[in-house]
């Protein structure tokens, strides 16, 4: 079989191109490898190393844990080669996430370089939206008429501890002993716990229900009704304890069986009508309870009398 000279040249050319491509690929791999080695070495140089983490805006009791969380992120390598503590390539996003996870009290985190050896982390702690108390309200029977609902007379026990809840209903910190109505106070016996910190990280109720309850609470308060606390019961049932004009305690029953906005409207309309009417007659009214769970019919009882509706 005759092989032409042109064919032999073509095969030699293809083989030459293959060898050249192999050498180019090998050279590229060598260059990349050397580049990785050099960059890895540079990333570990002490002149670029972050040694210190400064925390601004956090209370002293959680500052050490936030620093530790940030430093733990810096203690490692990208892909096993490049130091995460290098000031030029430090993992800003991972530090922010780690610091947030280190304490449920943190609302927002920002970080920036002070110099090549220190980063500054500015945090803003959460503002409490409510107090969540894992027990029944400690109501004194002397402060409530003996004709009120049995649950408020038979179940009260002492409160050992309440917790701060954020705007989503997340329980995030142990609360100090707070008197007065600085924050809405919700009693939630269904989430009771023997540990003083076991509830941290749990939710007082679902976020959706918490937001509806907060709106109901704020609007009742805005209507001039002084609220003491709210008992969150099972199946969307609530008891709100409010002050009568004579400073005694009345119970408002409401639930999630119908929109809380409707129950709120009925409650405020009823309250304003009754208070205005009694003022006009120069009398003082004292509710035992007001029940707005049944549509436009508001059931109530005053001074231990018979049940009425409006």
Protein backbone atom coordinates (compact mmCIF):
# COMPACT_ATOMS: atom_id res chain seq x y z
CA UNK A 1 0.00 0.00 0.00
CA UNK A 2 1.47 3.30 -1.06
CA UNK A 3 1.44 6.17 1.53
CA UNK A 4 1.92 9.56 -0.02
CA UNK A 5 4.40 12.08 1.29
CA UNK A 6 1.58 14.48 2.02
CA UNK A 7 -0.14 11.89 4.19
CA UNK A 8 3.05 11.27 6.15
CA UNK A 9 3.51 15.00 6.66
CA UNK A 10 -0.10 15.39 7.83
CA UNK A 11 0.30 12.61 10.42
CA UNK A 12 3.56 14.16 11.62
CA UNK A 13 1.87 17.55 11.90
CA UNK A 14 -1.02 16.17 13.96
CA UNK A 15 1.41 14.38 16.28
CA UNK A 16 3.42 17.58 16.64
CA UNK A 17 0.24 19.51 17.54
CA UNK A 18 -0.66 16.89 20.13
CA UNK A 19 2.74 17.08 21.76
CA UNK A 20 2.62 20.86 21.74
CA UNK A 21 -0.83 20.86 23.36
CA UNK A 22 0.39 18.42 26.01
CA UNK A 23 3.37 20.66 26.78
CA UNK A 24 1.11 23.72 26.95
CA UNK A 25 -1.27 21.92 29.31
CA UNK A 26 1.62 20.71 31.45
CA UNK A 27 3.06 24.21 31.54
CA UNK A 28 -0.30 25.66 32.50
CA UNK A 29 -0.68 23.16 35.33
CA UNK A 30 2.82 23.96 36.58
CA UNK A 31 2.13 27.70 36.47
CA UNK A 32 -1.19 27.32 38.28
CA UNK A 33 0.39 25.06 40.88
CA UNK A 34 3.23 27.51 41.45
CA UNK A 35 0.70 30.33 41.62
CA UNK A 36 -1.36 28.51 44.23
CA UNK A 37 1.76 27.74 46.26
CA UNK A 38 2.94 31.36 46.10
CA UNK A 39 -0.49 32.81 46.94
CA UNK A 40 -0.93 30.29 49.74
CA UNK A 41 2.44 31.35 51.14
CA UNK A 42 1.56 35.05 50.80
CA UNK A 43 -1.82 34.51 52.49
CA UNK A 44 -0.03 33.12 55.55
CA UNK A 45 2.41 35.99 55.93
CA UNK A 46 2.21 37.63 59.35
CA UNK A 47 2.10 41.08 57.77
CA UNK A 48 -1.44 40.34 56.51
CA UNK A 49 -2.64 38.23 59.44
CA UNK A 50 -5.64 39.30 61.55
CA UNK A 51 -4.77 38.79 65.21
CA UNK A 52 -7.47 40.77 67.00
CA UNK A 53 -11.24 41.10 66.85
CA UNK A 54 -12.87 44.14 68.40
CA UNK A 55 -16.56 44.01 69.37
CA UNK A 56 -18.55 47.25 69.60
CA UNK A 57 -22.13 47.65 70.80
CA UNK A 58 -22.54 44.39 72.75
CA UNK A 59 -22.98 44.01 76.49
CA UNK A 60 -19.84 42.79 78.30
CA UNK A 61 -21.44 39.48 79.26
CA UNK A 62 -21.68 38.30 75.64
CA UNK A 63 -18.64 40.07 74.17
CA UNK A 64 -16.19 37.15 74.80
CA UNK A 65 -18.49 34.64 73.09
CA UNK A 66 -18.87 36.94 70.07
CA UNK A 67 -15.09 37.34 69.82
CA UNK A 68 -14.61 33.59 70.05
CA UNK A 69 -17.19 33.03 67.32
CA UNK A 70 -15.40 35.43 64.98
CA UNK A 71 -11.94 34.05 65.71
CA UNK A 72 -13.13 30.48 65.12
CA UNK A 73 -14.11 31.44 61.57
CA UNK A 74 -10.66 32.94 60.96
CA UNK A 75 -8.96 29.77 62.18
CA UNK A 76 -8.88 27.83 58.93
CA UNK A 77 -8.14 27.82 55.20
CA UNK A 78 -10.02 28.18 51.94
CA UNK A 79 -9.73 24.88 50.06
CA UNK A 80 -6.94 23.93 52.45
CA UNK A 81 -4.52 26.50 50.95
CA UNK A 82 -5.41 30.14 51.64
CA UNK A 83 -5.53 31.47 55.18
CA UNK A 84 -8.91 32.86 56.25
CA UNK A 85 -7.13 35.15 58.70
CA UNK A 86 -5.58 37.09 55.83
CA UNK A 87 -6.86 40.66 56.00
CA UNK A 88 -7.30 40.83 52.21
CA UNK A 89 -9.54 37.77 51.88
CA UNK A 90 -11.07 37.21 55.34
CA UNK A 91 -14.60 35.66 55.22
CA UNK A 92 -16.74 38.66 56.13
CA UNK A 93 -20.09 36.94 55.49
CA UNK A 94 -19.18 33.86 57.51
CA UNK A 95 -18.09 36.03 60.45
CA UNK A 96 -21.39 37.93 60.41
CA UNK A 97 -23.36 34.66 60.41
CA UNK A 98 -21.21 33.15 63.17
CA UNK A 99 -21.53 36.20 65.43
CA UNK A 100 -25.32 36.25 64.98
CA UNK A 101 -25.54 32.57 65.82
CA UNK A 102 -23.37 33.05 68.93
CA UNK A 103 -26.13 34.97 70.70
CA UNK A 104 -29.85 35.21 70.10
CA UNK A 105 -29.66 38.75 71.45
CA UNK A 106 -27.96 40.05 68.30
CA UNK A 107 -30.15 41.83 65.76
CA UNK A 108 -27.61 43.06 63.21
CA UNK A 109 -23.86 42.80 62.57
CA UNK A 110 -21.41 44.84 60.51
CA UNK A 111 -17.69 44.29 60.15
CA UNK A 112 -14.76 46.22 58.68
CA UNK A 113 -10.97 46.31 58.85
CA UNK A 114 -9.33 48.67 61.30
CA UNK A 115 -5.93 47.74 59.88
CA UNK A 116 -4.23 44.63 58.50
CA UNK A 117 -4.20 43.02 61.95
CA UNK A 118 -7.58 43.88 63.44
CA UNK A 119 -11.21 43.75 62.39
CA UNK A 120 -13.96 45.70 64.12
CA UNK A 121 -17.39 44.11 64.51
CA UNK A 122 -20.28 46.43 65.32
CA UNK A 123 -23.41 44.77 66.66
CA UNK A 124 -26.86 46.01 67.57
CA UNK A 125 -28.71 44.03 70.20
CA UNK A 126 -32.38 43.27 69.81
CA UNK A 127 -34.99 45.52 71.34
CA UNK A 128 -37.45 43.37 73.31
CA UNK A 129 -40.95 43.27 71.87
CA UNK A 130 -42.56 41.40 74.74
CA UNK A 131 -42.03 39.33 77.88
CA UNK A 132 -42.83 35.63 77.65
CA UNK A 133 -43.50 33.97 81.00
CA UNK A 134 -43.76 30.16 81.01
CA UNK A 135 -46.42 29.95 83.69
CA UNK A 136 -49.86 31.15 84.77
CA UNK A 137 -50.30 34.78 85.87
CA UNK A 138 -49.89 35.25 89.58
CA UNK A 139 -53.23 36.94 90.16
CA UNK A 140 -54.31 37.70 93.71
CA UNK A 141 -57.90 36.69 94.28
CA UNK A 142 -58.36 39.85 96.36
CA UNK A 143 -57.80 41.87 93.19
CA UNK A 144 -60.41 39.99 91.18
CA UNK A 145 -64.05 39.37 91.87
CA UNK A 146 -64.76 35.86 93.13
CA UNK A 147 -67.21 35.46 90.27
CA UNK A 148 -64.55 35.63 87.58
CA UNK A 149 -63.48 32.68 85.47
CA UNK A 150 -62.12 29.76 87.58
CA UNK A 151 -58.88 29.54 85.61
CA UNK A 152 -57.74 32.84 87.09
CA UNK A 153 -58.45 31.75 90.64
CA UNK A 154 -57.50 28.08 90.77
CA UNK A 155 -54.35 28.09 88.64
CA UNK A 156 -52.17 31.01 89.72
CA UNK A 157 -48.65 30.12 90.86
CA UNK A 158 -45.52 32.14 91.49
CA UNK A 159 -43.50 33.25 88.49
CA UNK A 160 -39.88 32.17 88.61
CA UNK A 161 -38.61 33.64 85.35
CA UNK A 162 -39.71 35.56 82.28
CA UNK A 163 -37.88 35.92 78.98
CA UNK A 164 -37.46 38.55 76.30
CA UNK A 165 -39.13 37.80 72.96
CA UNK A 166 -38.24 39.64 69.77
CA UNK A 167 -40.59 40.96 67.10
CA UNK A 168 -41.00 37.49 65.57
CA UNK A 169 -41.90 35.87 68.90
CA UNK A 170 -38.46 34.27 69.30
CA UNK A 171 -37.45 33.87 72.95
CA UNK A 172 -33.84 35.03 73.00
CA UNK A 173 -32.76 36.03 76.52
CA UNK A 174 -33.57 35.77 80.22
CA UNK A 175 -35.30 38.95 81.36
CA UNK A 176 -34.57 40.70 84.65
CA UNK A 177 -37.34 41.28 87.15
CA UNK A 178 -39.36 44.02 85.45
CA UNK A 179 -42.30 45.72 87.08
CA UNK A 180 -44.96 47.72 85.30
CA UNK A 181 -46.08 47.45 81.70
CA UNK A 182 -42.93 48.46 79.85
CA UNK A 183 -43.40 45.47 77.53
CA UNK A 184 -46.44 43.34 76.72
CA UNK A 185 -46.40 40.44 79.17
CA UNK A 186 -47.61 37.09 77.85
CA UNK A 187 -48.09 34.08 80.10
CA UNK A 188 -47.62 30.82 78.22
CA UNK A 189 -47.93 27.80 80.55
CA UNK A 190 -47.67 25.42 77.59
CA UNK A 191 -43.96 26.23 77.15
CA UNK A 192 -42.98 25.79 80.81
CA UNK A 193 -39.49 24.43 81.50
CA UNK A 194 -37.38 23.54 84.51
CA UNK A 195 -34.23 25.10 83.01
CA UNK A 196 -33.63 28.83 83.14
CA UNK A 197 -32.22 28.85 79.60
CA UNK A 198 -33.96 25.91 77.91
CA UNK A 199 -36.60 28.17 76.33
CA UNK A 200 -34.06 30.41 74.62
CA UNK A 201 -34.29 29.73 70.91
CA UNK A 202 -37.94 28.65 71.08
CA UNK A 203 -40.94 30.68 69.95
CA UNK A 204 -43.62 31.98 72.30
CA UNK A 205 -46.11 31.05 69.59
CA UNK A 206 -46.02 31.02 65.81
CA UNK A 207 -44.69 34.23 64.31
CA UNK A 208 -47.98 34.84 62.49
CA UNK A 209 -50.03 34.43 65.69
CA UNK A 210 -47.54 36.54 67.64
CA UNK A 211 -47.80 39.42 65.17
CA UNK A 212 -51.61 39.31 65.31
CA UNK A 213 -51.54 39.25 69.10
CA UNK A 214 -49.08 42.15 69.26
CA UNK A 215 -51.30 44.20 66.96
CA UNK A 216 -54.37 43.40 69.09
CA UNK A 217 -52.49 44.32 72.27
CA UNK A 218 -51.13 47.61 70.89
CA UNK A 219 -54.50 48.71 69.57
CA UNK A 220 -56.28 47.91 72.83
CA UNK A 221 -53.65 49.93 74.68
CA UNK A 222 -53.93 52.78 72.16
CA UNK A 223 -57.68 52.89 72.89
CA UNK A 224 -56.86 53.87 76.47
CA UNK A 225 -57.46 50.47 78.07
CA UNK A 226 -54.75 49.69 80.63
CA UNK A 227 -53.46 46.14 80.10
CA UNK A 228 -51.85 44.07 82.82
CA UNK A 229 -51.02 40.88 80.90
CA UNK A 230 -52.31 38.22 78.53
CA UNK A 231 -52.70 34.48 79.09
CA UNK A 232 -52.07 32.47 75.91
CA UNK A 233 -54.11 29.28 76.12
CA UNK A 234 -54.51 26.29 73.82
CA UNK A 235 -56.24 26.34 70.42
CA UNK A 236 -55.98 30.08 69.88
CA UNK A 237 -57.78 31.11 73.06
CA UNK A 238 -56.69 34.17 75.05
CA UNK A 239 -57.45 35.97 78.30
CA UNK A 240 -56.43 39.61 78.57
CA UNK A 241 -56.33 41.18 82.04
CA UNK A 242 -57.14 44.90 82.03
CA UNK A 243 -57.82 47.58 84.61
CA UNK A 244 -61.36 48.74 85.27
CA UNK A 245 -61.93 52.45 85.92
CA UNK A 246 -61.94 51.61 89.65
CA UNK A 247 -58.49 49.90 89.26
CA UNK A 248 -59.89 46.39 89.76
CA UNK A 249 -59.11 43.71 87.17
CA UNK A 250 -61.40 42.63 84.33
CA UNK A 251 -60.86 39.72 81.96
CA UNK A 252 -61.32 40.08 78.21
CA UNK A 253 -61.93 36.78 76.40
CA UNK A 254 -60.98 36.62 72.73
CA UNK A 255 -59.74 33.98 70.31
CA UNK A 256 -58.60 33.15 66.82
CA UNK A 257 -61.91 31.65 65.66
CA UNK A 258 -62.61 34.87 63.79
CA UNK A 259 -60.31 37.73 62.70
CA UNK A 260 -58.80 39.50 65.70
CA UNK A 261 -59.40 42.79 63.91
CA UNK A 262 -63.16 42.18 64.15
CA UNK A 263 -62.97 41.26 67.83
CA UNK A 264 -60.79 44.31 68.45
CA UNK A 265 -63.31 46.62 66.79
CA UNK A 266 -66.19 45.14 68.79
CA UNK A 267 -64.24 45.41 72.04
CA UNK A 268 -63.24 49.05 71.59
CA UNK A 269 -66.72 50.09 70.49
CA UNK A 270 -68.28 48.32 73.48
CA UNK A 271 -65.76 49.67 75.98
CA UNK A 272 -66.10 53.26 74.79
CA UNK A 273 -69.89 53.07 74.82
CA UNK A 274 -70.07 51.61 78.34
CA UNK A 275 -67.49 53.99 79.83
CA UNK A 276 -69.10 57.05 78.20
CA UNK A 277 -72.55 55.96 79.35
CA UNK A 278 -71.49 55.43 82.98
CA UNK A 279 -69.66 58.75 83.05
CA UNK A 280 -72.81 60.48 81.82
CA UNK A 281 -74.75 58.97 84.71
CA UNK A 282 -71.89 59.73 87.11
CA UNK A 283 -71.47 56.07 88.00
CA UNK A 284 -68.39 53.82 88.08
CA UNK A 285 -68.49 50.56 86.19
CA UNK A 286 -66.46 47.50 87.16
CA UNK A 287 -66.42 44.61 84.69
CA UNK A 288 -65.92 41.05 85.83
CA UNK A 289 -65.32 40.04 82.23
CA UNK A 290 -65.99 41.00 78.62
CA UNK A 291 -66.33 38.27 75.99
CA UNK A 292 -65.91 39.27 72.33
CA UNK A 293 -65.65 35.77 70.87
CA UNK A 294 -69.18 35.63 69.46
CA UNK A 295 -69.36 38.22 66.71
CA UNK A 296 -71.16 41.50 67.24
CA UNK A 297 -72.78 40.16 70.43
CA UNK A 298 -70.49 41.17 73.28
CA UNK A 299 -71.21 39.32 76.49
CA UNK A 300 -70.20 40.85 79.79
CA UNK A 301 -70.78 40.83 83.51
CA UNK A 302 -70.40 43.70 85.97
CA UNK A 303 -70.06 43.70 89.73
CA UNK A 304 -70.77 39.97 89.98
CA UNK A 305 -74.22 40.45 88.42
CA UNK A 306 -76.01 38.55 85.68
CA UNK A 307 -74.52 37.96 82.25
CA UNK A 308 -75.57 40.59 79.73
CA UNK A 309 -74.96 41.18 76.04
CA UNK A 310 -74.60 44.24 73.92
